[in-house]
Amino acid sequence: MSWSLVVPLKPLSRAKSRLAAATSDDLRPGLALAFAQDTVRAALACPAVRDVVVVTDDPLAADELTALGALAVPDTPGKGLNAALAHGAATVRARRPEAPVAALNADLPALRPMELDRVLTTASEFRRAFLADAAGIGTTFLAAAPQWELNPAFGGPSRARHRATGAHDISLPDVPSVRQDVDTGPDLRAAVLMGVGPHTAALLGIDDTPPPTPSAPAGSPLPHG
């Protein structure tokens, strides 16, 4: 299958508010953009991905992600995350009616293309499928086969909601980078230990080469910019 991915992104000034305890207000918009850049960059490097549609009303994010090869479309519904994802999926299907579509969080800075490929390969076996986040409560990925609606139910305890809609709960054990979204300071530390992409690494002033073993304790401080 040749997948189209839909990546939603809030205006950068309002993104990643839960990182306030871990980093400065000045740095958070840049981190949100860097997370999205590393997510889109890795997604486009995945062999199973044909294209990425970013749904955002932020002009800077739209420009930067378009420069990476994504298609940016405005959040025309303006009614929250799930409406934005449905709009992105409709945009994909208007261009490619038979396309398999997947929603992917924009805050996966450690995303590995081959791990995403394994998730997409598994998702292709089902009408709809999803991947739980690292905490096992939320969702980082939701897929719909051709001719099936995405029917997103992201936000909060979305794993249970997606399961209740009949979507298959993907149980792959070896795809941590697709599960590790970043909402809090501990999330960011976990992603950094996993090895973040070049945009996030540059903003944090760290090496973007994944370490062979964790090189810092989980409670170590993060740069405040």
Protein backbone atom coordinates (compact mmCIF):
# COMPACT_ATOMS: atom_id res chain seq x y z
CA MET A 1 0.00 0.00 0.00
CA SER A 2 1.03 3.57 -0.70
CA TRP A 3 -0.17 5.57 2.28
CA SER A 4 -1.17 9.18 2.70
CA LEU A 5 -0.61 10.52 6.21
CA VAL A 6 -2.50 13.37 7.84
CA VAL A 7 -0.60 15.35 10.49
CA PRO A 8 -2.49 17.99 12.52
CA LEU A 9 -0.68 20.96 14.05
CA LYS A 10 -2.05 23.76 16.24
CA PRO A 11 -0.88 27.34 15.76
CA LEU A 12 2.59 27.31 17.26
CA SER A 13 1.80 30.00 19.82
CA ARG A 14 -0.75 27.66 21.43
CA ALA A 15 1.09 24.38 21.04
CA LYS A 16 2.73 22.27 23.74
CA SER A 17 1.41 24.19 26.74
CA ARG A 18 2.04 21.17 28.97
CA LEU A 19 5.78 21.58 28.43
CA ALA A 20 5.68 24.82 30.44
CA ALA A 21 7.14 23.12 33.52
CA ALA A 22 10.08 21.73 31.53
CA THR A 23 11.11 24.59 29.27
CA SER A 24 10.57 28.29 28.65
CA ASP A 25 7.59 29.93 26.98
CA ASP A 26 9.95 31.35 24.36
CA LEU A 27 11.20 27.90 23.42
CA ARG A 28 7.88 26.03 23.26
CA PRO A 29 6.67 27.29 19.85
CA GLY A 30 10.02 26.41 18.34
CA LEU A 31 9.89 22.96 19.91
CA ALA A 32 6.41 22.35 18.53
CA LEU A 33 7.65 23.23 15.05
CA ALA A 34 10.82 21.14 15.43
CA PHE A 35 8.78 18.13 16.59
CA ALA A 36 6.56 18.48 13.53
CA GLN A 37 9.53 18.91 11.20
CA ASP A 38 11.21 15.75 12.52
CA THR A 39 7.90 13.86 12.35
CA VAL A 40 7.22 14.87 8.75
CA ARG A 41 10.84 14.32 7.70
CA ALA A 42 10.83 10.77 9.06
CA ALA A 43 7.36 10.01 7.69
CA LEU A 44 8.35 11.05 4.18
CA ALA A 45 11.42 8.79 4.44
CA CYS A 46 9.19 5.79 5.18
CA PRO A 47 8.99 3.42 2.16
CA ALA A 48 5.24 2.90 2.58
CA VAL A 49 4.38 6.63 2.61
CA ARG A 50 3.41 8.40 -0.59
CA ASP A 51 2.64 11.82 0.84
CA VAL A 52 1.94 13.79 4.00
CA VAL A 53 -0.86 16.34 4.43
CA VAL A 54 -0.38 18.79 7.30
CA VAL A 55 -3.51 20.50 8.60
CA THR A 56 -2.52 23.80 10.20
CA ASP A 57 -3.45 27.46 10.34
CA ASP A 58 0.07 28.50 11.30
CA PRO A 59 1.78 30.20 8.32
CA LEU A 60 5.33 29.57 9.53
CA ALA A 61 4.64 25.88 10.16
CA ALA A 62 2.92 25.58 6.78
CA ASP A 63 5.94 27.09 5.01
CA GLU A 64 8.52 25.03 6.88
CA LEU A 65 6.70 21.72 6.46
CA THR A 66 5.94 22.41 2.80
CA ALA A 67 9.67 22.94 2.33
CA LEU A 68 10.20 19.38 3.60
CA GLY A 69 7.80 17.99 0.99
CA ALA A 70 4.46 17.98 2.81
CA LEU A 71 1.22 19.47 1.51
CA ALA A 72 -0.11 22.04 3.99
CA VAL A 73 -3.82 22.79 4.08
CA PRO A 74 -5.66 25.22 6.38
CA ASP A 75 -7.80 23.96 9.22
CA THR A 76 -11.01 25.02 7.49
CA PRO A 77 -13.41 23.43 10.00
CA GLY A 78 -11.69 25.12 12.95
CA LYS A 79 -13.49 22.79 15.33
CA GLY A 80 -10.66 20.97 17.04
CA LEU A 81 -8.32 18.07 16.48
CA ASN A 82 -10.70 15.40 15.21
CA ALA A 83 -12.46 17.75 12.80
CA ALA A 84 -9.03 18.78 11.46
CA LEU A 85 -8.08 15.14 10.94
CA ALA A 86 -11.36 14.37 9.16
CA HIS A 87 -10.75 17.41 6.95
CA GLY A 88 -7.22 16.22 6.14
CA ALA A 89 -8.48 12.74 5.29
CA ALA A 90 -11.16 14.24 3.02
CA THR A 91 -8.44 16.28 1.30
CA VAL A 92 -6.47 13.09 0.65
CA ARG A 93 -9.47 11.19 -0.65
CA ALA A 94 -10.47 14.08 -2.94
CA ARG A 95 -7.09 13.69 -4.63
CA ARG A 96 -6.78 9.89 -4.30
CA PRO A 97 -10.19 8.29 -3.72
CA GLU A 98 -8.74 4.82 -3.14
CA ALA A 99 -5.92 5.90 -0.84
CA PRO A 100 -5.29 4.25 2.51
CA VAL A 101 -5.13 7.10 5.02
CA ALA A 102 -3.51 7.38 8.43
CA ALA A 103 -3.50 10.12 11.05
CA LEU A 104 -0.15 10.65 12.77
CA ASN A 105 0.65 12.89 15.73
CA ALA A 106 2.86 15.88 14.97
CA ASP A 107 4.90 15.44 18.16
CA LEU A 108 6.99 12.35 17.42
CA PRO A 109 10.51 13.85 17.24
CA ALA A 110 12.24 10.46 17.62
CA LEU A 111 10.22 8.84 14.81
CA ARG A 112 12.07 6.15 12.84
CA PRO A 113 10.96 5.53 9.24
CA MET A 114 11.31 1.75 9.43
CA GLU A 115 9.32 1.54 12.66
CA LEU A 116 6.54 3.53 11.01
CA ASP A 117 6.79 1.16 8.05
CA ARG A 118 6.16 -1.81 10.36
CA VAL A 119 3.13 -0.08 11.83
CA LEU A 120 1.72 0.69 8.38
CA THR A 121 2.34 -2.88 7.22
CA THR A 122 0.34 -4.19 10.17
CA ALA A 123 -2.39 -1.58 9.71
CA SER A 124 -2.84 -2.65 6.09
CA GLU A 125 -4.27 -5.95 7.31
CA PHE A 126 -7.30 -4.25 8.88
CA ARG A 127 -10.12 -1.92 7.87
CA ARG A 128 -9.15 0.46 10.65
CA ALA A 129 -6.28 0.19 13.11
CA PHE A 130 -4.53 2.33 15.69
CA LEU A 131 -1.40 2.46 17.83
CA ALA A 132 -1.50 3.44 21.50
CA ASP A 133 0.95 5.98 22.85
CA ALA A 134 3.83 5.14 25.19
CA ALA A 135 1.59 5.64 28.22
CA GLY A 136 -0.93 3.14 26.85
CA ILE A 137 -3.82 5.60 27.23
CA GLY A 138 -3.82 7.84 24.19
CA THR A 139 -3.26 7.26 20.47
CA THR A 140 -0.44 8.35 18.17
CA PHE A 141 -1.60 6.69 14.93
CA LEU A 142 -4.94 5.78 13.36
CA ALA A 143 -5.36 4.18 9.94
CA ALA A 144 -8.23 3.52 7.55
CA ALA A 145 -8.12 1.23 4.53
CA PRO A 146 -9.44 2.37 1.14
CA GLN A 147 -13.20 3.03 1.19
CA TRP A 148 -13.24 3.23 4.99
CA GLU A 149 -13.66 6.44 6.96
CA LEU A 150 -10.92 7.42 9.40
CA ASN A 151 -13.43 8.26 12.18
CA PRO A 152 -10.84 9.84 14.53
CA ALA A 153 -11.46 10.06 18.28
CA PHE A 154 -8.18 11.54 19.51
CA GLY A 155 -7.69 13.36 22.80
CA GLY A 156 -7.32 12.08 26.36
CA PRO A 157 -8.04 8.34 26.79
CA SER A 158 -8.45 7.82 23.05
CA ARG A 159 -7.13 4.26 23.05
CA ALA A 160 -10.37 3.05 24.63
CA ARG A 161 -12.48 5.19 22.31
CA HIS A 162 -10.75 3.96 19.16
CA ARG A 163 -11.08 0.38 20.34
CA ALA A 164 -14.78 0.98 20.99
CA THR A 165 -15.25 2.11 17.38
CA GLY A 166 -14.02 -1.30 16.21
CA ALA A 167 -10.49 -0.27 15.20
CA HIS A 168 -7.79 -2.90 15.71
CA ASP A 169 -5.36 -2.17 18.54
CA ILE A 170 -1.89 -2.73 17.04
CA SER A 171 0.31 -4.57 19.55
CA LEU A 172 3.75 -4.42 17.92
CA PRO A 173 6.45 -4.44 20.62
CA ASP A 174 9.30 -2.93 18.61
CA VAL A 175 8.00 0.47 17.46
CA PRO A 176 8.73 2.78 20.43
CA SER A 177 9.47 5.82 18.27
CA VAL A 178 5.94 5.74 16.83
CA ARG A 179 4.47 5.61 20.34
CA GLN A 180 6.63 8.31 21.97
CA ASP A 181 4.70 11.53 21.59
CA VAL A 182 5.82 14.54 23.61
CA ASP A 183 3.42 16.41 25.86
CA THR A 184 5.41 16.76 29.09
CA GLY A 185 8.97 17.11 30.32
CA PRO A 186 9.33 13.36 31.04
CA ASP A 187 8.05 12.64 27.52
CA LEU A 188 10.71 14.91 26.05
CA ARG A 189 13.44 13.30 28.14
CA ALA A 190 12.31 9.87 26.92
CA ALA A 191 12.39 11.04 23.29
CA VAL A 192 15.84 12.59 23.74
CA LEU A 193 17.18 9.34 25.20
CA MET A 194 15.67 7.50 22.25
CA GLY A 195 17.36 9.89 19.83
CA VAL A 196 15.46 12.84 18.38
CA GLY A 197 15.63 14.11 14.80
CA PRO A 198 17.89 16.93 13.60
CA HIS A 199 15.47 19.83 14.04
CA THR A 200 14.68 19.03 17.67
CA ALA A 201 18.31 18.19 18.39
CA ALA A 202 19.50 21.50 16.94
CA LEU A 203 16.99 23.47 18.99
CA LEU A 204 18.00 21.68 22.19
CA GLY A 205 21.68 21.86 21.36
CA ILE A 206 22.26 18.10 21.47
CA ASP A 207 23.57 15.38 19.18
CA ASP A 208 20.84 13.84 17.01
CA THR A 209 22.63 10.47 16.85
CA PRO A 210 20.62 7.87 18.83
CA PRO A 211 22.72 6.80 21.87
CA PRO A 212 23.49 3.07 22.21
CA THR A 213 22.36 3.21 25.84
CA PRO A 214 20.64 5.86 27.95
CA SER A 215 23.30 8.43 28.82
CA ALA A 216 21.40 10.57 31.35
CA PRO A 217 19.07 9.88 34.26
CA ALA A 218 15.36 10.23 33.58
CA GLY A 219 15.11 13.23 35.89
CA SER A 220 17.89 15.26 34.27
CA PRO A 221 17.01 18.89 33.42
CA LEU A 222 16.18 20.08 29.92
CA PRO A 223 17.52 23.21 28.21
CA HIS A 224 15.40 26.29 28.85
CA GLY A 225 16.54 28.26 25.81
